[in-house]
C-alpha atoms as a PDB file:
ATOM      1  CA  MET A   1      -0.026   0.304   0.160  1.00  0.00           C
ATOM      2  CA  ALA A   2       3.172   2.478   0.465  1.00  0.00           C
ATOM      3  CA  ARG A   3       4.808   1.736  -2.481  1.00  0.00           C
ATOM      4  CA  PHE A   4       1.226   3.033  -4.293  1.00  0.00           C
ATOM      5  CA  LEU A   5       0.996   5.691  -2.667  1.00  0.00           C
ATOM      6  CA  LEU A   6       4.566   7.195  -3.301  1.00  0.00           C
ATOM      7  CA  ILE A   7       3.945   6.154  -6.911  1.00  0.00           C
ATOM      8  CA  THR A   8       1.080   7.669  -7.615  1.00  0.00           C
ATOM      9  CA  ALA A   9       2.558  10.732  -5.655  1.00  0.00           C
ATOM     10  CA  PHE A  10       4.705  11.142  -8.851  1.00  0.00           C
ATOM     11  CA  ILE A  11       1.594  11.293 -11.345  1.00  0.00           C
ATOM     12  CA  PRO A  12       1.881  14.888 -12.701  1.00  0.00           C
ATOM     13  CA  LEU A  13      -1.839  16.853 -12.346  1.00  0.00           C
ATOM     14  CA  LEU A  14      -2.966  17.500 -15.738  1.00  0.00           C
ATOM     15  CA  ALA A  15      -3.967  21.259 -16.258  1.00  0.00           C
ATOM     16  CA  PHE A  16      -6.930  22.140 -18.562  1.00  0.00           C
ATOM     17  CA  SER A  17      -7.190  25.731 -19.839  1.00  0.00           C
ATOM     18  CA  GLN A  18      -8.356  27.779 -22.047  1.00  0.00           C
ATOM     19  CA  THR A  19      -6.506  31.793 -22.126  1.00  0.00           C
ATOM     20  CA  LEU A  20      -7.509  34.520 -24.293  1.00  0.00           C
ATOM     21  CA  THR A  21      -4.081  35.955 -25.134  1.00  0.00           C
ATOM     22  CA  PHE A  22      -3.445  39.786 -26.942  1.00  0.00           C
ATOM     23  CA  THR A  23      -1.358  39.081 -29.771  1.00  0.00           C
ATOM     24  CA  ASP A  24      -0.294  42.508 -31.673  1.00  0.00           C
ATOM     25  CA  GLY A  25      -0.430  44.955 -28.509  1.00  0.00           C
ATOM     26  CA  SER A  26      -2.005  44.489 -25.311  1.00  0.00           C
ATOM     27  CA  SER A  27      -3.072  48.561 -25.995  1.00  0.00           C
ATOM     28  CA  HIS A  28      -3.634  50.839 -28.703  1.00  0.00           C
ATOM     29  CA  ASP A  29      -2.740  54.443 -29.086  1.00  0.00           C
ATOM     30  CA  PHE A  30      -4.673  56.541 -31.897  1.00  0.00           C
ATOM     31  CA  GLY A  31      -2.399  59.548 -31.895  1.00  0.00           C
ATOM     32  CA  GLU A  32      -3.987  62.757 -33.165  1.00  0.00           C
ATOM     33  CA  ILE A  33      -7.129  62.553 -34.759  1.00  0.00           C
ATOM     34  CA  THR A  34     -10.207  65.482 -35.113  1.00  0.00           C
ATOM     35  CA  ASP A  35     -13.531  65.433 -34.053  1.00  0.00           C
ATOM     36  CA  LYS A  36     -15.349  64.442 -37.301  1.00  0.00           C
ATOM     37  CA  GLU A  37     -14.409  60.801 -38.054  1.00  0.00           C
ATOM     38  CA  LYS A  38     -14.316  57.456 -36.680  1.00  0.00           C
ATOM     39  CA  VAL A  39     -11.181  55.339 -36.408  1.00  0.00           C
ATOM     40  CA  SER A  40     -10.891  52.016 -36.098  1.00  0.00           C
ATOM     41  CA  HIS A  41      -8.534  48.746 -34.932  1.00  0.00           C
ATOM     42  CA  ASP A  42      -8.268  45.289 -35.316  1.00  0.00           C
ATOM     43  CA  VAL A  43      -7.584  44.043 -31.619  1.00  0.00           C
ATOM     44  CA  LYS A  44      -6.227  40.898 -32.565  1.00  0.00           C
ATOM     45  CA  PHE A  45      -5.673  37.758 -30.209  1.00  0.00           C
ATOM     46  CA  LYS A  46      -4.937  33.719 -29.744  1.00  0.00           C
ATOM     47  CA  ASN A  47      -6.458  30.949 -27.589  1.00  0.00           C
ATOM     48  CA  SER A  48      -2.736  30.045 -25.873  1.00  0.00           C
ATOM     49  CA  GLY A  49      -4.621  27.086 -23.888  1.00  0.00           C
ATOM     50  CA  ASP A  50      -5.616  23.638 -24.578  1.00  0.00           C
ATOM     51  CA  GLN A  51      -8.997  23.955 -24.808  1.00  0.00           C
ATOM     52  CA  LYS A  52     -12.308  25.703 -26.000  1.00  0.00           C
ATOM     53  CA  LEU A  53     -12.242  29.831 -25.244  1.00  0.00           C
ATOM     54  CA  ILE A  54     -15.850  31.345 -25.289  1.00  0.00           C
ATOM     55  CA  ILE A  55     -16.020  34.732 -25.333  1.00  0.00           C
ATOM     56  CA  SER A  56     -19.553  35.668 -23.893  1.00  0.00           C
ATOM     57  CA  SER A  57     -19.260  39.409 -24.427  1.00  0.00           C
ATOM     58  CA  VAL A  58     -16.779  42.450 -25.399  1.00  0.00           C
ATOM     59  CA  LYS A  59     -18.197  45.895 -23.559  1.00  0.00           C
ATOM     60  CA  ALA A  60     -17.227  48.949 -24.126  1.00  0.00           C
ATOM     61  CA  SER A  61     -16.393  51.656 -21.068  1.00  0.00           C
ATOM     62  CA  CYS A  62     -18.573  54.238 -22.822  1.00  0.00           C
ATOM     63  CA  GLY A  63     -21.457  54.660 -26.277  1.00  0.00           C
ATOM     64  CA  CYS A  64     -18.735  56.235 -27.897  1.00  0.00           C
ATOM     65  CA  THR A  65     -16.868  52.443 -28.383  1.00  0.00           C
ATOM     66  CA  THR A  66     -18.376  49.697 -30.123  1.00  0.00           C
ATOM     67  CA  GLY A  67     -16.907  45.908 -30.396  1.00  0.00           C
ATOM     68  CA  LYS A  68     -17.328  44.031 -33.473  1.00  0.00           C
ATOM     69  CA  LEU A  69     -16.948  40.256 -32.903  1.00  0.00           C
ATOM     70  CA  ASP A  70     -17.435  37.859 -35.475  1.00  0.00           C
ATOM     71  CA  LYS A  71     -17.443  34.544 -33.647  1.00  0.00           C
ATOM     72  CA  LYS A  72     -17.563  33.176 -29.690  1.00  0.00           C
ATOM     73  CA  GLU A  73     -15.625  30.102 -29.992  1.00  0.00           C
ATOM     74  CA  TYR A  74     -11.873  29.781 -30.666  1.00  0.00           C
ATOM     75  CA  GLU A  75     -10.433  26.502 -30.591  1.00  0.00           C
ATOM     76  CA  PRO A  76      -7.085  25.780 -29.059  1.00  0.00           C
ATOM     77  CA  GLY A  77      -4.400  27.433 -31.133  1.00  0.00           C
ATOM     78  CA  GLU A  78      -7.304  29.547 -33.165  1.00  0.00           C
ATOM     79  CA  GLU A  79      -6.762  33.429 -33.647  1.00  0.00           C
ATOM     80  CA  GLY A  80      -9.184  35.692 -34.271  1.00  0.00           C
ATOM     81  CA  SER A  81      -9.720  39.614 -33.632  1.00  0.00           C
ATOM     82  CA  VAL A  82     -12.293  42.319 -32.994  1.00  0.00           C
ATOM     83  CA  THR A  83     -13.118  45.338 -35.073  1.00  0.00           C
ATOM     84  CA  LEU A  84     -13.021  47.903 -32.497  1.00  0.00           C
ATOM     85  CA  THR A  85     -14.228  51.749 -33.707  1.00  0.00           C
ATOM     86  CA  PHE A  86     -13.988  54.634 -31.690  1.00  0.00           C
ATOM     87  CA  ASN A  87     -16.439  57.664 -32.350  1.00  0.00           C
ATOM     88  CA  PRO A  88     -14.394  61.097 -31.170  1.00  0.00           C
ATOM     89  CA  ARG A  89     -17.601  63.653 -31.941  1.00  0.00           C
ATOM     90  CA  GLY A  90     -18.493  65.642 -28.986  1.00  0.00           C
ATOM     91  CA  LYS A  91     -14.906  64.468 -27.272  1.00  0.00           C
ATOM     92  CA  TYR A  92     -11.253  66.379 -27.189  1.00  0.00           C
ATOM     93  CA  ASN A  93      -8.012  66.151 -25.711  1.00  0.00           C
ATOM     94  CA  LYS A  94      -6.779  63.022 -24.331  1.00  0.00           C
ATOM     95  CA  GLN A  95      -8.993  60.236 -24.206  1.00  0.00           C
ATOM     96  CA  THR A  96      -8.591  56.905 -22.480  1.00  0.00           C
ATOM     97  CA  LYS A  97     -11.247  54.156 -22.910  1.00  0.00           C
ATOM     98  CA  ASN A  98     -11.260  50.396 -23.143  1.00  0.00           C
ATOM     99  CA  LEU A  99     -12.970  47.250 -24.194  1.00  0.00           C
ATOM    100  CA  THR A 100     -13.795  44.178 -21.642  1.00  0.00           C
ATOM    101  CA  PHE A 101     -13.076  40.775 -23.331  1.00  0.00           C
ATOM    102  CA  ASN A 102     -15.409  38.327 -20.533  1.00  0.00           C
ATOM    103  CA  THR A 103     -14.186  35.141 -21.613  1.00  0.00           C
ATOM    104  CA  ASN A 104     -15.369  31.221 -19.681  1.00  0.00           C
ATOM    105  CA  ASP A 105     -11.317  30.896 -19.019  1.00  0.00           C
ATOM    106  CA  PRO A 106     -11.635  30.338 -14.815  1.00  0.00           C
ATOM    107  CA  GLU A 107      -8.160  32.090 -14.184  1.00  0.00           C
ATOM    108  CA  LYS A 108      -9.033  35.820 -15.321  1.00  0.00           C
ATOM    109  CA  LYS A 109     -13.109  35.696 -16.882  1.00  0.00           C
ATOM    110  CA  SER A 110     -11.884  39.467 -18.019  1.00  0.00           C
ATOM    111  CA  GLN A 111      -9.324  40.896 -20.104  1.00  0.00           C
ATOM    112  CA  VAL A 112      -9.103  44.452 -20.560  1.00  0.00           C
ATOM    113  CA  PHE A 113      -7.725  46.070 -23.578  1.00  0.00           C
ATOM    114  CA  PRO A 114      -7.523  50.225 -23.416  1.00  0.00           C
ATOM    115  CA  PHE A 115      -6.683  52.449 -26.048  1.00  0.00           C
ATOM    116  CA  THR A 116      -5.968  56.043 -26.069  1.00  0.00           C
ATOM    117  CA  ALA A 117      -6.504  58.964 -28.277  1.00  0.00           C
ATOM    118  CA  PHE A 118      -5.673  62.704 -28.192  1.00  0.00           C
ATOM    119  CA  ILE A 119      -8.502  64.682 -30.282  1.00  0.00           C
ATOM    120  CA  LYS A 120      -7.735  68.221 -31.901  1.00  0.00           C
ATOM    121  CA  THR A 121     -10.801  70.094 -32.604  1.00  0.00           C
ATOM    122  CA  ASP A 122     -11.343  73.511 -33.734  1.00  0.00           C
ATOM    123  CA  PHE A 123     -12.958  75.184 -31.219  1.00  0.00           C
ATOM    124  CA  MET A 124     -13.308  73.600 -27.026  1.00  0.00           C
ATOM    125  CA  VAL A 125     -15.838  74.700 -24.102  1.00  0.00           C
ATOM    126  CA  ASN A 126     -14.517  74.850 -21.189  1.00  0.00           C
ATOM    127  CA  GLY A 127     -16.049  74.763 -17.393  1.00  0.00           C
ATOM    128  CA  ARG A 128     -19.273  74.508 -16.268  1.00  0.00           C
ATOM    129  CA  PHE A 129     -22.750  76.646 -15.467  1.00  0.00           C
ATOM    130  CA  MET A 130     -23.196  77.007 -12.232  1.00  0.00           C
ATOM    131  CA  PHE A 131     -26.613  78.191 -10.682  1.00  0.00           C
ATOM    132  CA  ARG A 132     -27.680  79.291  -6.771  1.00  0.00           C
ATOM    133  CA  TYR A 133     -30.961  79.024  -5.606  1.00  0.00           C
ATOM    134  CA  GLU A 134     -31.910  79.972  -2.227  1.00  0.00           C
ATOM    135  CA  ASN A 135     -34.710  81.328  -0.305  1.00  0.00           C
ATOM    136  CA  ASP A 136     -37.107  80.904  -3.374  1.00  0.00           C
ATOM    137  CA  ALA A 137     -34.948  82.701  -5.519  1.00  0.00           C
ATOM    138  CA  PHE A 138     -31.928  82.428  -8.041  1.00  0.00           C
ATOM    139  CA  THR A 139     -29.192  84.323  -6.216  1.00  0.00           C
ATOM    140  CA  SER A 140     -27.041  83.534  -9.127  1.00  0.00           C
ATOM    141  CA  ASP A 141     -29.125  83.395 -12.346  1.00  0.00           C
ATOM    142  CA  THR A 142     -26.354  84.027 -14.967  1.00  0.00           C
ATOM    143  CA  ALA A 143     -23.773  81.112 -15.399  1.00  0.00           C
ATOM    144  CA  SER A 144     -21.381  80.914 -18.139  1.00  0.00           C
ATOM    145  CA  VAL A 145     -18.227  78.974 -19.852  1.00  0.00           C
ATOM    146  CA  LYS A 146     -15.808  79.258 -21.953  1.00  0.00           C
ATOM    147  CA  LEU A 147     -15.457  78.750 -26.065  1.00  0.00           C
ATOM    148  CA  GLN A 148     -11.931  78.613 -26.993  1.00  0.00           C
ATOM    149  CA  ASN A 149     -10.249  78.983 -30.251  1.00  0.00           C
ATOM    150  CA  ASN A 150      -7.779  76.257 -31.276  1.00  0.00           C
ATOM    151  CA  THR A 151      -6.908  77.429 -34.702  1.00  0.00           C
ATOM    152  CA  ALA A 152      -4.584  80.322 -36.169  1.00  0.00           C
ATOM    153  CA  SER A 153      -7.691  81.929 -37.640  1.00  0.00           C
ATOM    154  CA  PRO A 154     -10.975  84.097 -36.521  1.00  0.00           C
ATOM    155  CA  ILE A 155     -13.880  81.862 -35.840  1.00  0.00           C
ATOM    156  CA  SER A 156     -17.656  82.525 -36.642  1.00  0.00           C
ATOM    157  CA  VAL A 157     -20.471  81.487 -33.903  1.00  0.00           C
ATOM    158  CA  ASP A 158     -23.146  81.842 -36.045  1.00  0.00           C
ATOM    159  CA  ASN A 159     -25.728  79.501 -33.683  1.00  0.00           C
ATOM    160  CA  ILE A 160     -26.128  77.937 -29.905  1.00  0.00           C
ATOM    161  CA  GLN A 161     -28.893  75.515 -29.160  1.00  0.00           C
ATOM    162  CA  VAL A 162     -29.618  74.602 -25.794  1.00  0.00           C
ATOM    163  CA  ARG A 163     -30.807  70.957 -25.301  1.00  0.00           C
ATOM    164  CA  ASN A 164     -31.793  69.034 -21.818  1.00  0.00           C
ATOM    165  CA  ALA A 165     -33.954  69.113 -19.506  1.00  0.00           C
ATOM    166  CA  LEU A 166     -33.826  72.586 -18.510  1.00  0.00           C
ATOM    167  CA  ALA A 167     -33.875  73.580 -21.578  1.00  0.00           C
ATOM    168  CA  GLU A 168     -37.074  75.567 -21.551  1.00  0.00           C
ATOM    169  CA  TYR A 169     -35.729  77.405 -19.085  1.00  0.00           C
ATOM    170  CA  LEU A 170     -32.680  78.537 -20.355  1.00  0.00           C
ATOM    171  CA  THR A 171     -31.722  81.533 -22.396  1.00  0.00           C
ATOM    172  CA  VAL A 172     -28.059  82.097 -24.108  1.00  0.00           C
ATOM    173  CA  VAL A 173     -27.606  85.755 -23.120  1.00  0.00           C
ATOM    174  CA  ASP A 174     -25.490  87.285 -25.775  1.00  0.00           C
ATOM    175  CA  ALA A 175     -27.085  86.022 -29.006  1.00  0.00           C
ATOM    176  CA  PRO A 176     -25.006  85.115 -31.819  1.00  0.00           C
ATOM    177  CA  PRO A 177     -23.434  85.812 -34.114  1.00  0.00           C
ATOM    178  CA  LEU A 178     -19.979  86.232 -32.304  1.00  0.00           C
ATOM    179  CA  SER A 179     -16.670  86.583 -33.184  1.00  0.00           C
ATOM    180  CA  VAL A 180     -13.803  84.239 -31.261  1.00  0.00           C
ATOM    181  CA  PRO A 181     -10.482  85.758 -32.408  1.00  0.00           C
ATOM    182  CA  ALA A 182      -7.703  83.285 -33.332  1.00  0.00           C
ATOM    183  CA  LYS A 183      -6.065  81.466 -29.972  1.00  0.00           C
ATOM    184  CA  GLY A 184      -8.640  83.509 -28.438  1.00  0.00           C
ATOM    185  CA  THR A 185     -11.997  82.600 -26.030  1.00  0.00           C
ATOM    186  CA  ILE A 186     -15.372  84.342 -25.434  1.00  0.00           C
ATOM    187  CA  ALA A 187     -18.010  83.702 -22.417  1.00  0.00           C
ATOM    188  CA  ILE A 188     -21.243  81.449 -22.929  1.00  0.00           C
ATOM    189  CA  LYS A 189     -23.402  83.012 -20.840  1.00  0.00           C
ATOM    190  CA  LEU A 190     -27.041  81.208 -20.172  1.00  0.00           C
ATOM    191  CA  LYS A 191     -29.333  82.789 -17.931  1.00  0.00           C
ATOM    192  CA  ILE A 192     -32.646  80.835 -15.873  1.00  0.00           C
ATOM    193  CA  ASP A 193     -35.774  81.555 -15.773  1.00  0.00           C
ATOM    194  CA  SER A 194     -37.347  82.678 -11.878  1.00  0.00           C
ATOM    195  CA  GLU A 195     -39.881  80.560 -13.033  1.00  0.00           C
ATOM    196  CA  TYR A 196     -38.099  77.517 -11.965  1.00  0.00           C
ATOM    197  CA  ALA A 197     -37.906  76.055  -8.661  1.00  0.00           C
ATOM    198  CA  PRO A 198     -35.727  73.219  -7.903  1.00  0.00           C
ATOM    199  CA  VAL A 199     -36.323  71.608  -4.435  1.00  0.00           C
ATOM    200  CA  ARG A 200     -32.499  70.437  -4.190  1.00  0.00           C
ATOM    201  CA  THR A 201     -29.509  70.407  -5.371  1.00  0.00           C
ATOM    202  CA  ALA A 202     -28.592  69.164  -8.778  1.00  0.00           C
ATOM    203  CA  TYR A 203     -26.627  67.754 -11.659  1.00  0.00           C
ATOM    204  CA  THR A 204     -27.873  67.752 -15.625  1.00  0.00           C
ATOM    205  CA  THR A 205     -25.940  67.956 -18.712  1.00  0.00           C
ATOM    206  CA  THR A 206     -26.357  70.564 -21.229  1.00  0.00           C
ATOM    207  CA  ASN A 207     -26.168  70.045 -24.389  1.00  0.00           C
ATOM    208  CA  LEU A 208     -24.548  73.098 -26.307  1.00  0.00           C
ATOM    209  CA  THR A 209     -25.364  72.841 -30.475  1.00  0.00           C
ATOM    210  CA  ILE A 210     -22.596  75.295 -31.578  1.00  0.00           C
ATOM    211  CA  THR A 211     -22.753  76.335 -35.135  1.00  0.00           C
ATOM    212  CA  VAL A 212     -19.205  77.549 -36.167  1.00  0.00           C
ATOM    213  CA  ASN A 213     -17.976  78.559 -39.858  1.00  0.00           C
ATOM    214  CA  GLY A 214     -21.647  76.649 -40.477  1.00  0.00           C
ATOM    215  CA  LYS A 215     -20.971  73.396 -39.181  1.00  0.00           C
ATOM    216  CA  SER A 216     -22.792  72.270 -35.938  1.00  0.00           C
ATOM    217  CA  THR A 217     -21.253  70.632 -32.976  1.00  0.00           C
ATOM    218  CA  THR A 218     -22.714  69.462 -29.887  1.00  0.00           C
ATOM    219  CA  LYS A 219     -20.896  70.203 -27.255  1.00  0.00           C
ATOM    220  CA  PRO A 220     -21.489  68.348 -23.529  1.00  0.00           C
ATOM    221  CA  VAL A 221     -21.132  70.942 -20.121  1.00  0.00           C
ATOM    222  CA  THR A 222     -21.906  70.053 -16.288  1.00  0.00           C
ATOM    223  CA  THR A 223     -24.713  72.003 -15.059  1.00  0.00           C
ATOM    224  CA  GLN A 224     -25.140  72.523 -11.495  1.00  0.00           C
ATOM    225  CA  ILE A 225     -27.234  73.912  -9.610  1.00  0.00           C
ATOM    226  CA  ILE A 226     -26.767  74.705  -6.040  1.00  0.00           C
ATOM    227  CA  VAL A 227     -29.696  74.679  -3.711  1.00  0.00           C
ATOM    228  CA  PRO A 228     -28.236  75.095   0.555  1.00  0.00           C
ATOM    229  CA  LYS A 229     -30.083  72.691   3.323  1.00  0.00           C
ATOM    230  CA  PRO A 230     -31.749  74.529   5.294  1.00  0.00           C
ATOM    231  CA  PRO A 231     -30.349  75.345   8.805  1.00  0.00           C
ATOM    232  CA  ALA A 232     -31.251  72.150  11.215  1.00  0.00           C
ATOM    233  CA  THR A 233     -32.960  73.465  14.048  1.00  0.00           C
ATOM    234  CA  PRO A 234     -31.518  73.576  17.674  1.00  0.00           C
ATOM    235  CA  LYS A 235     -32.761  71.253  20.022  1.00  0.00           C
ATOM    236  CA  SER A 236     -33.283  74.130  22.816  1.00  0.00           C
ATOM    237  CA  ALA A 237     -35.698  75.111  20.179  1.00  0.00           C
ATOM    238  CA  VAL A 238     -37.721  72.294  19.963  1.00  0.00           C
ATOM    239  CA  PRO A 239     -40.654  72.044  22.386  1.00  0.00           C
ATOM    240  CA  PRO A 240     -40.431  69.216  24.816  1.00  0.00           C
ATOM    241  CA  LYS A 241     -42.946  66.335  24.881  1.00  0.00           C
ATOM    242  CA  PRO A 242     -45.837  66.456  27.352  1.00  0.00           C
ATOM    243  CA  THR A 243     -45.593  64.655  30.305  1.00  0.00           C
ATOM    244  CA  PRO A 244     -48.433  62.287  30.393  1.00  0.00           C
ATOM    245  CA  ALA A 245     -50.697  63.114  33.380  1.00  0.00           C
ATOM    246  CA  LYS A 246     -50.319  60.209  36.479  1.00  0.00           C
ATOM    247  CA  GLN A 247     -53.295  58.175  37.189  1.00  0.00           C
END
């Protein structure tokens, strides 16, 4: 019996795996691109295990990115690819996104493929709109952000449209046309209607559709409405509970 145990102790344990391995780099940099056209890249991979690899899904980190998978099952040693497409519209400066591959690999069920891009635009919108509502009235009913011209020539802002849940209460203060000098900035101001009565501090996104030199681009801008909380009632100001009469 002891001899049998000694012999079996040296029998190797068989390990089976299905492993997704990126074969053309584990990340990608699109470099400098414009915000006008989509860009694509083929993410190449291989099943480097000895069992069938099943890719259940490929999920993008944002709605601006898609990953098209031709099929889900790959035999040992088989190669494949996913077409990654990134839509930079409405974005600027450096962007970092990723695709997540979900597989049947028990050791690494999810693998992330990150990518970056630097988006050059003719103009940018910087800042956020902030309004303040206190004592049933707006104490700060006008807010502004900066529009920056990135080109070496003046640009003309022909139109600005506000699109969000509060659009009916927001008005552009300085109506176009507006001229922006080369490499210069102007303020885009919004005024909020006094009829709007928020009940709590809230964040939303204001989509500004800005027409520059005849071309329209939508820029999302964070909008904050600050409603301070009323001061807490001091304990001394709270009337004491009546003491029940003794029977």
